[in-house]
Amino acid sequence: MIEILNPTELARAREAGALVADILQTLKNRSTVGTNLLDIDRWAQAMIVEAGAQSCYVDYAPSFGRGPFGHYICTGVNDAVLHGLPRDYTLADGDLLTLDLAVAKGGVAADSAISFIVGSSQPPESTAMISATERALAAGIAAAGPGARIGDISHAIGSVLSEAGYAINTEFGGHGIGSTMHQDPHVPNTGRPGRGYKLRPGLLLALEPWVMADTAELVTDADGWTLRSATGCRTAHSEHTIAITGDGAEILTLPRQPRP
């Protein structure tokens, strides 16, 4: 299903997007050496409930997971890149942490992910990988607009990732979003320009470049959810929800004023 949102629904999408971004930035600020992943999940739950919003994850049970997910945020550490199930793990200095959050408010969902290094240690290979996903995300957003096609976005993202030296996995990528978290069209992280669905104002897309340092192969953790690099290498993931407008792409998941 591909949804085209009306102006009222777009206003709700902006509210949901800002909430997701604010929660993620708050969690980033609180995620320090010694923080437990289960605490991050509890903090996310409290902020979602306080905002009168609904988690897109807690009851989520797709075919590729051992559902329901049962938690409020995805937490991936180091080699865990997607669908990271929160667990009893205490963050250490230099850990690469990915937080992925999707929330619905007013009947419209928004989805975003950030990767960052915990503590004072900043391994250059890890910071370079995070930067590559952020640059690829910016390129994908710049390529999105009325008249463009999904392949234009995919090509822009893939060009940045490939030029940075990363292999690209196409099993999971970006997606349409609206009244539900995951919708058509699928947005691979590489592709051919001029191909695929033609973008229209009112379309919401969640774009999410992600890479693994030295492989394109994923393995599923014993928890049935967490996807890890097959070689145990580090990973990074960046994501924004955007709305296609008459002028281009509007980023909905930019933070306002995160809490201390």
C-alpha atoms as a PDB file:
ATOM      1  CA  MET A   1       0.000   0.000   0.000  1.00  0.00           C
ATOM      2  CA  ILE A   2       1.244   3.492  -0.894  1.00  0.00           C
ATOM      3  CA  GLU A   3      -0.422   6.327   1.033  1.00  0.00           C
ATOM      4  CA  ILE A   4      -0.559   9.970  -0.015  1.00  0.00           C
ATOM      5  CA  LEU A   5      -1.225  12.159   3.011  1.00  0.00           C
ATOM      6  CA  ASN A   6      -3.511  15.190   3.003  1.00  0.00           C
ATOM      7  CA  PRO A   7      -2.515  18.499   4.698  1.00  0.00           C
ATOM      8  CA  THR A   8      -4.142  17.524   8.011  1.00  0.00           C
ATOM      9  CA  GLU A   9      -2.303  14.213   8.063  1.00  0.00           C
ATOM     10  CA  LEU A  10       0.969  15.923   7.130  1.00  0.00           C
ATOM     11  CA  ALA A  11       0.588  18.216  10.149  1.00  0.00           C
ATOM     12  CA  ARG A  12       0.223  15.140  12.352  1.00  0.00           C
ATOM     13  CA  ALA A  13       3.261  13.578  10.675  1.00  0.00           C
ATOM     14  CA  ARG A  14       5.309  16.666  11.557  1.00  0.00           C
ATOM     15  CA  GLU A  15       4.269  16.319  15.194  1.00  0.00           C
ATOM     16  CA  ALA A  16       5.145  12.619  15.248  1.00  0.00           C
ATOM     17  CA  GLY A  17       8.467  13.276  13.529  1.00  0.00           C
ATOM     18  CA  ALA A  18       9.484  16.007  15.955  1.00  0.00           C
ATOM     19  CA  LEU A  19       8.597  13.747  18.884  1.00  0.00           C
ATOM     20  CA  VAL A  20      10.725  10.896  17.535  1.00  0.00           C
ATOM     21  CA  ALA A  21      13.663  13.247  16.978  1.00  0.00           C
ATOM     22  CA  ASP A  22      13.398  14.803  20.430  1.00  0.00           C
ATOM     23  CA  ILE A  23      13.257  11.404  22.137  1.00  0.00           C
ATOM     24  CA  LEU A  24      16.284  10.165  20.201  1.00  0.00           C
ATOM     25  CA  GLN A  25      18.344  13.236  21.085  1.00  0.00           C
ATOM     26  CA  THR A  26      17.349  12.941  24.744  1.00  0.00           C
ATOM     27  CA  LEU A  27      18.354   9.284  24.757  1.00  0.00           C
ATOM     28  CA  LYS A  28      21.655  10.123  23.055  1.00  0.00           C
ATOM     29  CA  ASN A  29      22.417  12.656  25.775  1.00  0.00           C
ATOM     30  CA  ARG A  30      21.589  10.117  28.509  1.00  0.00           C
ATOM     31  CA  SER A  31      23.492   7.200  26.916  1.00  0.00           C
ATOM     32  CA  THR A  32      26.843   7.347  28.660  1.00  0.00           C
ATOM     33  CA  VAL A  33      29.403   4.824  29.844  1.00  0.00           C
ATOM     34  CA  GLY A  34      27.597   2.600  32.349  1.00  0.00           C
ATOM     35  CA  THR A  35      24.115   3.021  30.844  1.00  0.00           C
ATOM     36  CA  ASN A  36      22.161  -0.215  30.450  1.00  0.00           C
ATOM     37  CA  LEU A  37      20.250  -0.829  27.203  1.00  0.00           C
ATOM     38  CA  LEU A  38      17.171  -1.788  29.211  1.00  0.00           C
ATOM     39  CA  ASP A  39      17.263   1.641  30.879  1.00  0.00           C
ATOM     40  CA  ILE A  40      17.239   3.253  27.410  1.00  0.00           C
ATOM     41  CA  ASP A  41      14.159   1.202  26.550  1.00  0.00           C
ATOM     42  CA  ARG A  42      12.406   2.263  29.770  1.00  0.00           C
ATOM     43  CA  TRP A  43      13.237   5.919  29.155  1.00  0.00           C
ATOM     44  CA  ALA A  44      11.832   5.655  25.632  1.00  0.00           C
ATOM     45  CA  GLN A  45       8.643   4.056  26.930  1.00  0.00           C
ATOM     46  CA  ALA A  46       8.130   6.789  29.519  1.00  0.00           C
ATOM     47  CA  MET A  47       8.564   9.606  26.988  1.00  0.00           C
ATOM     48  CA  ILE A  48       6.260   7.963  24.436  1.00  0.00           C
ATOM     49  CA  VAL A  49       3.519   7.458  27.044  1.00  0.00           C
ATOM     50  CA  GLU A  50       3.931  10.980  28.437  1.00  0.00           C
ATOM     51  CA  ALA A  51       3.492  12.427  24.934  1.00  0.00           C
ATOM     52  CA  GLY A  52       0.254  10.499  24.399  1.00  0.00           C
ATOM     53  CA  ALA A  53       1.849   8.614  21.499  1.00  0.00           C
ATOM     54  CA  GLN A  54       2.007   4.937  20.598  1.00  0.00           C
ATOM     55  CA  SER A  55       5.009   2.691  20.049  1.00  0.00           C
ATOM     56  CA  CYS A  56       5.277   1.146  16.579  1.00  0.00           C
ATOM     57  CA  TYR A  57       7.516  -1.600  17.964  1.00  0.00           C
ATOM     58  CA  VAL A  58       6.136  -3.121  21.132  1.00  0.00           C
ATOM     59  CA  ASP A  59       3.466  -5.236  19.386  1.00  0.00           C
ATOM     60  CA  TYR A  60       5.275  -5.474  16.045  1.00  0.00           C
ATOM     61  CA  ALA A  61       5.429  -9.047  14.722  1.00  0.00           C
ATOM     62  CA  PRO A  62       6.603  -9.199  11.068  1.00  0.00           C
ATOM     63  CA  SER A  63       7.623 -12.377   9.268  1.00  0.00           C
ATOM     64  CA  PHE A  64      11.348 -11.636   9.619  1.00  0.00           C
ATOM     65  CA  GLY A  65      11.301 -11.367  13.428  1.00  0.00           C
ATOM     66  CA  ARG A  66      10.414 -13.588  16.347  1.00  0.00           C
ATOM     67  CA  GLY A  67       7.555 -11.377  17.395  1.00  0.00           C
ATOM     68  CA  PRO A  68       6.104  -9.521  19.035  1.00  0.00           C
ATOM     69  CA  PHE A  69       9.131  -7.269  19.506  1.00  0.00           C
ATOM     70  CA  GLY A  70       8.102  -6.400  23.061  1.00  0.00           C
ATOM     71  CA  HIS A  71      10.227  -3.255  23.470  1.00  0.00           C
ATOM     72  CA  TYR A  72       9.942   0.437  22.630  1.00  0.00           C
ATOM     73  CA  ILE A  73      13.204   1.123  20.800  1.00  0.00           C
ATOM     74  CA  CYS A  74      15.835  -0.760  18.813  1.00  0.00           C
ATOM     75  CA  THR A  75      19.285  -0.653  20.447  1.00  0.00           C
ATOM     76  CA  GLY A  76      22.229  -1.932  18.375  1.00  0.00           C
ATOM     77  CA  VAL A  77      25.758  -2.059  19.787  1.00  0.00           C
ATOM     78  CA  ASN A  78      28.862  -2.422  17.575  1.00  0.00           C
ATOM     79  CA  ASP A  79      28.111  -5.367  15.250  1.00  0.00           C
ATOM     80  CA  ALA A  80      24.309  -5.098  15.685  1.00  0.00           C
ATOM     81  CA  VAL A  81      22.945  -2.904  12.886  1.00  0.00           C
ATOM     82  CA  LEU A  82      19.179  -3.478  12.596  1.00  0.00           C
ATOM     83  CA  HIS A  83      16.260  -4.488  14.832  1.00  0.00           C
ATOM     84  CA  GLY A  84      18.471  -4.564  17.930  1.00  0.00           C
ATOM     85  CA  LEU A  85      16.442  -6.045  20.766  1.00  0.00           C
ATOM     86  CA  PRO A  86      17.213  -4.229  24.054  1.00  0.00           C
ATOM     87  CA  ARG A  87      19.034  -6.514  26.486  1.00  0.00           C
ATOM     88  CA  ASP A  88      20.902  -6.456  29.770  1.00  0.00           C
ATOM     89  CA  TYR A  89      24.103  -4.849  28.467  1.00  0.00           C
ATOM     90  CA  THR A  90      26.045  -1.973  30.006  1.00  0.00           C
ATOM     91  CA  LEU A  91      27.616   0.473  27.567  1.00  0.00           C
ATOM     92  CA  ALA A  92      31.401   0.798  27.568  1.00  0.00           C
ATOM     93  CA  ASP A  93      33.670   3.599  26.419  1.00  0.00           C
ATOM     94  CA  GLY A  94      34.033   3.491  22.634  1.00  0.00           C
ATOM     95  CA  ASP A  95      30.902   1.411  21.959  1.00  0.00           C
ATOM     96  CA  LEU A  96      29.129   2.295  18.713  1.00  0.00           C
ATOM     97  CA  LEU A  97      25.455   2.607  19.617  1.00  0.00           C
ATOM     98  CA  THR A  98      22.538   2.772  17.166  1.00  0.00           C
ATOM     99  CA  LEU A  99      19.116   3.892  18.368  1.00  0.00           C
ATOM    100  CA  ASP A 100      16.154   3.345  16.020  1.00  0.00           C
ATOM    101  CA  LEU A 101      12.726   4.629  17.030  1.00  0.00           C
ATOM    102  CA  ALA A 102       9.298   4.677  15.389  1.00  0.00           C
ATOM    103  CA  VAL A 103       6.293   6.296  17.047  1.00  0.00           C
ATOM    104  CA  ALA A 104       2.726   7.053  15.954  1.00  0.00           C
ATOM    105  CA  LYS A 105       0.839  10.139  17.089  1.00  0.00           C
ATOM    106  CA  GLY A 106      -2.512  11.286  15.789  1.00  0.00           C
ATOM    107  CA  GLY A 107      -2.706   8.201  13.611  1.00  0.00           C
ATOM    108  CA  VAL A 108       0.520   8.913  11.674  1.00  0.00           C
ATOM    109  CA  ALA A 109       3.931   7.304  12.247  1.00  0.00           C
ATOM    110  CA  ALA A 110       7.488   8.618  11.973  1.00  0.00           C
ATOM    111  CA  ASP A 111      10.751   6.655  12.035  1.00  0.00           C
ATOM    112  CA  SER A 112      14.360   7.721  12.611  1.00  0.00           C
ATOM    113  CA  ALA A 113      17.728   6.261  13.610  1.00  0.00           C
ATOM    114  CA  ILE A 114      21.034   7.665  14.840  1.00  0.00           C
ATOM    115  CA  SER A 115      24.445   6.095  15.414  1.00  0.00           C
ATOM    116  CA  PHE A 116      27.095   7.550  17.728  1.00  0.00           C
ATOM    117  CA  ILE A 117      30.096   6.634  19.856  1.00  0.00           C
ATOM    118  CA  VAL A 118      29.611   6.354  23.611  1.00  0.00           C
ATOM    119  CA  GLY A 119      32.140   7.982  25.908  1.00  0.00           C
ATOM    120  CA  SER A 120      35.360   9.813  25.139  1.00  0.00           C
ATOM    121  CA  SER A 121      36.952   7.270  22.815  1.00  0.00           C
ATOM    122  CA  GLN A 122      36.322   8.039  19.139  1.00  0.00           C
ATOM    123  CA  PRO A 123      37.671   5.195  16.939  1.00  0.00           C
ATOM    124  CA  PRO A 124      38.342   6.821  13.534  1.00  0.00           C
ATOM    125  CA  GLU A 125      37.032   3.873  11.512  1.00  0.00           C
ATOM    126  CA  SER A 126      33.747   4.024  13.416  1.00  0.00           C
ATOM    127  CA  THR A 127      33.309   7.779  13.124  1.00  0.00           C
ATOM    128  CA  ALA A 128      34.067   7.554   9.386  1.00  0.00           C
ATOM    129  CA  MET A 129      31.417   4.852   8.953  1.00  0.00           C
ATOM    130  CA  ILE A 130      28.800   6.890  10.815  1.00  0.00           C
ATOM    131  CA  SER A 131      29.691   9.921   8.700  1.00  0.00           C
ATOM    132  CA  ALA A 132      29.265   7.905   5.506  1.00  0.00           C
ATOM    133  CA  THR A 133      25.708   6.897   6.442  1.00  0.00           C
ATOM    134  CA  GLU A 134      24.864  10.497   7.351  1.00  0.00           C
ATOM    135  CA  ARG A 135      26.242  11.802   4.046  1.00  0.00           C
ATOM    136  CA  ALA A 136      24.362   9.104   2.140  1.00  0.00           C
ATOM    137  CA  LEU A 137      21.161  10.051   3.939  1.00  0.00           C
ATOM    138  CA  ALA A 138      21.651  13.707   3.021  1.00  0.00           C
ATOM    139  CA  ALA A 139      22.253  12.728  -0.613  1.00  0.00           C
ATOM    140  CA  GLY A 140      19.098  10.620  -0.690  1.00  0.00           C
ATOM    141  CA  ILE A 141      17.045  13.465   0.738  1.00  0.00           C
ATOM    142  CA  ALA A 142      18.497  15.901  -1.794  1.00  0.00           C
ATOM    143  CA  ALA A 143      17.462  13.544  -4.610  1.00  0.00           C
ATOM    144  CA  ALA A 144      13.842  13.315  -3.397  1.00  0.00           C
ATOM    145  CA  GLY A 145      11.230  15.608  -4.858  1.00  0.00           C
ATOM    146  CA  PRO A 146       8.146  15.671  -7.087  1.00  0.00           C
ATOM    147  CA  GLY A 147       8.915  14.024 -10.398  1.00  0.00           C
ATOM    148  CA  ALA A 148      11.917  12.116  -9.069  1.00  0.00           C
ATOM    149  CA  ARG A 149      11.741   8.346  -8.737  1.00  0.00           C
ATOM    150  CA  ILE A 150      12.694   5.887  -6.033  1.00  0.00           C
ATOM    151  CA  GLY A 151      15.695   4.854  -8.122  1.00  0.00           C
ATOM    152  CA  ASP A 152      17.024   8.403  -7.973  1.00  0.00           C
ATOM    153  CA  ILE A 153      17.061   8.268  -4.168  1.00  0.00           C
ATOM    154  CA  SER A 154      18.580   4.782  -4.113  1.00  0.00           C
ATOM    155  CA  HIS A 155      21.274   5.766  -6.603  1.00  0.00           C
ATOM    156  CA  ALA A 156      22.218   8.853  -4.577  1.00  0.00           C
ATOM    157  CA  ILE A 157      22.489   6.859  -1.358  1.00  0.00           C
ATOM    158  CA  GLY A 158      24.383   3.977  -2.956  1.00  0.00           C
ATOM    159  CA  SER A 159      26.853   6.254  -4.715  1.00  0.00           C
ATOM    160  CA  VAL A 160      27.971   7.785  -1.419  1.00  0.00           C
ATOM    161  CA  LEU A 161      28.244   4.427   0.352  1.00  0.00           C
ATOM    162  CA  SER A 162      30.113   2.787  -2.519  1.00  0.00           C
ATOM    163  CA  GLU A 163      32.526   5.694  -2.887  1.00  0.00           C
ATOM    164  CA  ALA A 164      33.257   5.389   0.846  1.00  0.00           C
ATOM    165  CA  GLY A 165      34.231   1.753   0.275  1.00  0.00           C
ATOM    166  CA  TYR A 166      31.290  -0.080   1.821  1.00  0.00           C
ATOM    167  CA  ALA A 167      29.466  -3.081   0.403  1.00  0.00           C
ATOM    168  CA  ILE A 168      25.696  -2.559   0.266  1.00  0.00           C
ATOM    169  CA  ASN A 169      23.106  -5.045   1.489  1.00  0.00           C
ATOM    170  CA  THR A 170      19.708  -4.711  -0.225  1.00  0.00           C
ATOM    171  CA  GLU A 171      17.678  -7.048   2.004  1.00  0.00           C
ATOM    172  CA  PHE A 172      16.594  -4.122   4.163  1.00  0.00           C
ATOM    173  CA  GLY A 173      16.328  -0.455   3.266  1.00  0.00           C
ATOM    174  CA  GLY A 174      14.028   2.531   3.391  1.00  0.00           C
ATOM    175  CA  HIS A 175      10.262   2.370   3.047  1.00  0.00           C
ATOM    176  CA  GLY A 176       7.040   4.228   2.782  1.00  0.00           C
ATOM    177  CA  ILE A 177       5.417   5.265   6.048  1.00  0.00           C
ATOM    178  CA  GLY A 178       2.109   6.792   7.084  1.00  0.00           C
ATOM    179  CA  SER A 179      -0.748   5.321   9.088  1.00  0.00           C
ATOM    180  CA  THR A 180       1.501   2.304   9.607  1.00  0.00           C
ATOM    181  CA  MET A 181       5.267   2.094  10.056  1.00  0.00           C
ATOM    182  CA  HIS A 182       6.238  -0.063   7.077  1.00  0.00           C
ATOM    183  CA  GLN A 183       4.572   0.502   3.700  1.00  0.00           C
ATOM    184  CA  ASP A 184       5.425   0.495   0.026  1.00  0.00           C
ATOM    185  CA  PRO A 185       7.439   1.666  -1.754  1.00  0.00           C
ATOM    186  CA  HIS A 186      10.638  -0.109  -0.736  1.00  0.00           C
ATOM    187  CA  VAL A 187      13.690   2.171  -1.017  1.00  0.00           C
ATOM    188  CA  PRO A 188      16.883   0.105  -1.512  1.00  0.00           C
ATOM    189  CA  ASN A 189      20.193   1.653  -0.522  1.00  0.00           C
ATOM    190  CA  THR A 190      21.466   1.323  -4.080  1.00  0.00           C
ATOM    191  CA  GLY A 191      19.731   1.454  -7.425  1.00  0.00           C
ATOM    192  CA  ARG A 192      19.458   2.883 -10.918  1.00  0.00           C
ATOM    193  CA  PRO A 193      18.321   6.462 -11.453  1.00  0.00           C
ATOM    194  CA  GLY A 194      15.084   7.078 -13.314  1.00  0.00           C
ATOM    195  CA  ARG A 195      13.559   3.780 -12.209  1.00  0.00           C
ATOM    196  CA  GLY A 196      10.753   2.881  -9.833  1.00  0.00           C
ATOM    197  CA  TYR A 197       7.795   4.678  -8.329  1.00  0.00           C
ATOM    198  CA  LYS A 198       7.409   8.361  -9.227  1.00  0.00           C
ATOM    199  CA  LEU A 199       7.334  10.559  -6.119  1.00  0.00           C
ATOM    200  CA  ARG A 200       4.253  12.662  -5.372  1.00  0.00           C
ATOM    201  CA  PRO A 201       3.576  15.450  -2.850  1.00  0.00           C
ATOM    202  CA  GLY A 202       2.105  13.965   0.318  1.00  0.00           C
ATOM    203  CA  LEU A 203       4.207  10.801   0.158  1.00  0.00           C
ATOM    204  CA  LEU A 204       6.161   9.983   3.323  1.00  0.00           C
ATOM    205  CA  LEU A 205       9.385   7.992   3.098  1.00  0.00           C
ATOM    206  CA  ALA A 206      11.742   6.700   5.772  1.00  0.00           C
ATOM    207  CA  LEU A 207      15.230   6.690   4.222  1.00  0.00           C
ATOM    208  CA  GLU A 208      17.821   4.617   6.086  1.00  0.00           C
ATOM    209  CA  PRO A 209      21.350   4.054   4.817  1.00  0.00           C
ATOM    210  CA  TRP A 210      23.173   1.438   6.885  1.00  0.00           C
ATOM    211  CA  VAL A 211      26.488  -0.319   6.386  1.00  0.00           C
ATOM    212  CA  MET A 212      28.837  -2.874   7.898  1.00  0.00           C
ATOM    213  CA  ALA A 213      32.580  -2.227   7.944  1.00  0.00           C
ATOM    214  CA  ASP A 214      33.794  -5.213   5.924  1.00  0.00           C
ATOM    215  CA  THR A 215      30.828  -7.284   4.743  1.00  0.00           C
ATOM    216  CA  ALA A 216      27.350  -7.102   3.227  1.00  0.00           C
ATOM    217  CA  GLU A 217      26.174 -10.303   4.933  1.00  0.00           C
ATOM    218  CA  LEU A 218      23.804 -10.308   7.911  1.00  0.00           C
ATOM    219  CA  VAL A 219      23.200 -12.968  10.537  1.00  0.00           C
ATOM    220  CA  THR A 220      20.261 -13.150  12.941  1.00  0.00           C
ATOM    221  CA  ASP A 221      21.014 -13.223  16.645  1.00  0.00           C
ATOM    222  CA  ALA A 222      19.680 -15.971  18.884  1.00  0.00           C
ATOM    223  CA  ASP A 223      17.079 -13.502  20.174  1.00  0.00           C
ATOM    224  CA  GLY A 224      15.307 -13.856  16.811  1.00  0.00           C
ATOM    225  CA  TRP A 225      15.423 -10.125  16.084  1.00  0.00           C
ATOM    226  CA  THR A 226      18.832  -8.503  16.192  1.00  0.00           C
ATOM    227  CA  LEU A 227      20.623  -8.453  12.835  1.00  0.00           C
ATOM    228  CA  ARG A 228      24.418  -8.485  13.117  1.00  0.00           C
ATOM    229  CA  SER A 229      27.317  -8.338  10.686  1.00  0.00           C
ATOM    230  CA  ALA A 230      28.369 -11.843   9.667  1.00  0.00           C
ATOM    231  CA  THR A 231      32.023 -11.080  10.429  1.00  0.00           C
ATOM    232  CA  GLY A 232      31.466  -9.353  13.763  1.00  0.00           C
ATOM    233  CA  CYS A 233      32.595  -6.008  12.331  1.00  0.00           C
ATOM    234  CA  ARG A 234      31.114  -2.709  13.424  1.00  0.00           C
ATOM    235  CA  THR A 235      28.043  -1.209  11.786  1.00  0.00           C
ATOM    236  CA  ALA A 236      26.247   2.144  11.468  1.00  0.00           C
ATOM    237  CA  HIS A 237      22.744   3.302  10.567  1.00  0.00           C
ATOM    238  CA  SER A 238      21.180   6.727   9.920  1.00  0.00           C
ATOM    239  CA  GLU A 239      17.520   7.400   9.158  1.00  0.00           C
ATOM    240  CA  HIS A 240      15.074  10.267   8.659  1.00  0.00           C
ATOM    241  CA  THR A 241      11.401  10.382   7.761  1.00  0.00           C
ATOM    242  CA  ILE A 242      10.765  12.864   4.968  1.00  0.00           C
ATOM    243  CA  ALA A 243       7.645  14.251   3.302  1.00  0.00           C
ATOM    244  CA  ILE A 244       7.613  14.913  -0.419  1.00  0.00           C
ATOM    245  CA  THR A 245       6.328  18.437  -1.043  1.00  0.00           C
ATOM    246  CA  GLY A 246       5.862  20.644  -4.073  1.00  0.00           C
ATOM    247  CA  ASP A 247       9.318  22.086  -3.467  1.00  0.00           C
ATOM    248  CA  GLY A 248      11.339  18.982  -2.581  1.00  0.00           C
ATOM    249  CA  ALA A 249      11.733  16.956   0.596  1.00  0.00           C
ATOM    250  CA  GLU A 250      10.860  18.144   4.106  1.00  0.00           C
ATOM    251  CA  ILE A 251      12.715  16.363   6.922  1.00  0.00           C
ATOM    252  CA  LEU A 252      10.187  15.546   9.632  1.00  0.00           C
ATOM    253  CA  THR A 253      12.525  13.963  12.194  1.00  0.00           C
ATOM    254  CA  LEU A 254      14.655  16.945  13.174  1.00  0.00           C
ATOM    255  CA  PRO A 255      14.958  17.585  16.938  1.00  0.00           C
ATOM    256  CA  ARG A 256      13.454  20.568  18.688  1.00  0.00           C
ATOM    257  CA  GLN A 257      14.494  20.808  22.343  1.00  0.00           C
ATOM    258  CA  PRO A 258      15.681  17.502  23.813  1.00  0.00           C
ATOM    259  CA  ARG A 259      15.482  17.016  27.539  1.00  0.00           C
ATOM    260  CA  PRO A 260      18.614  16.955  29.708  1.00  0.00           C
END
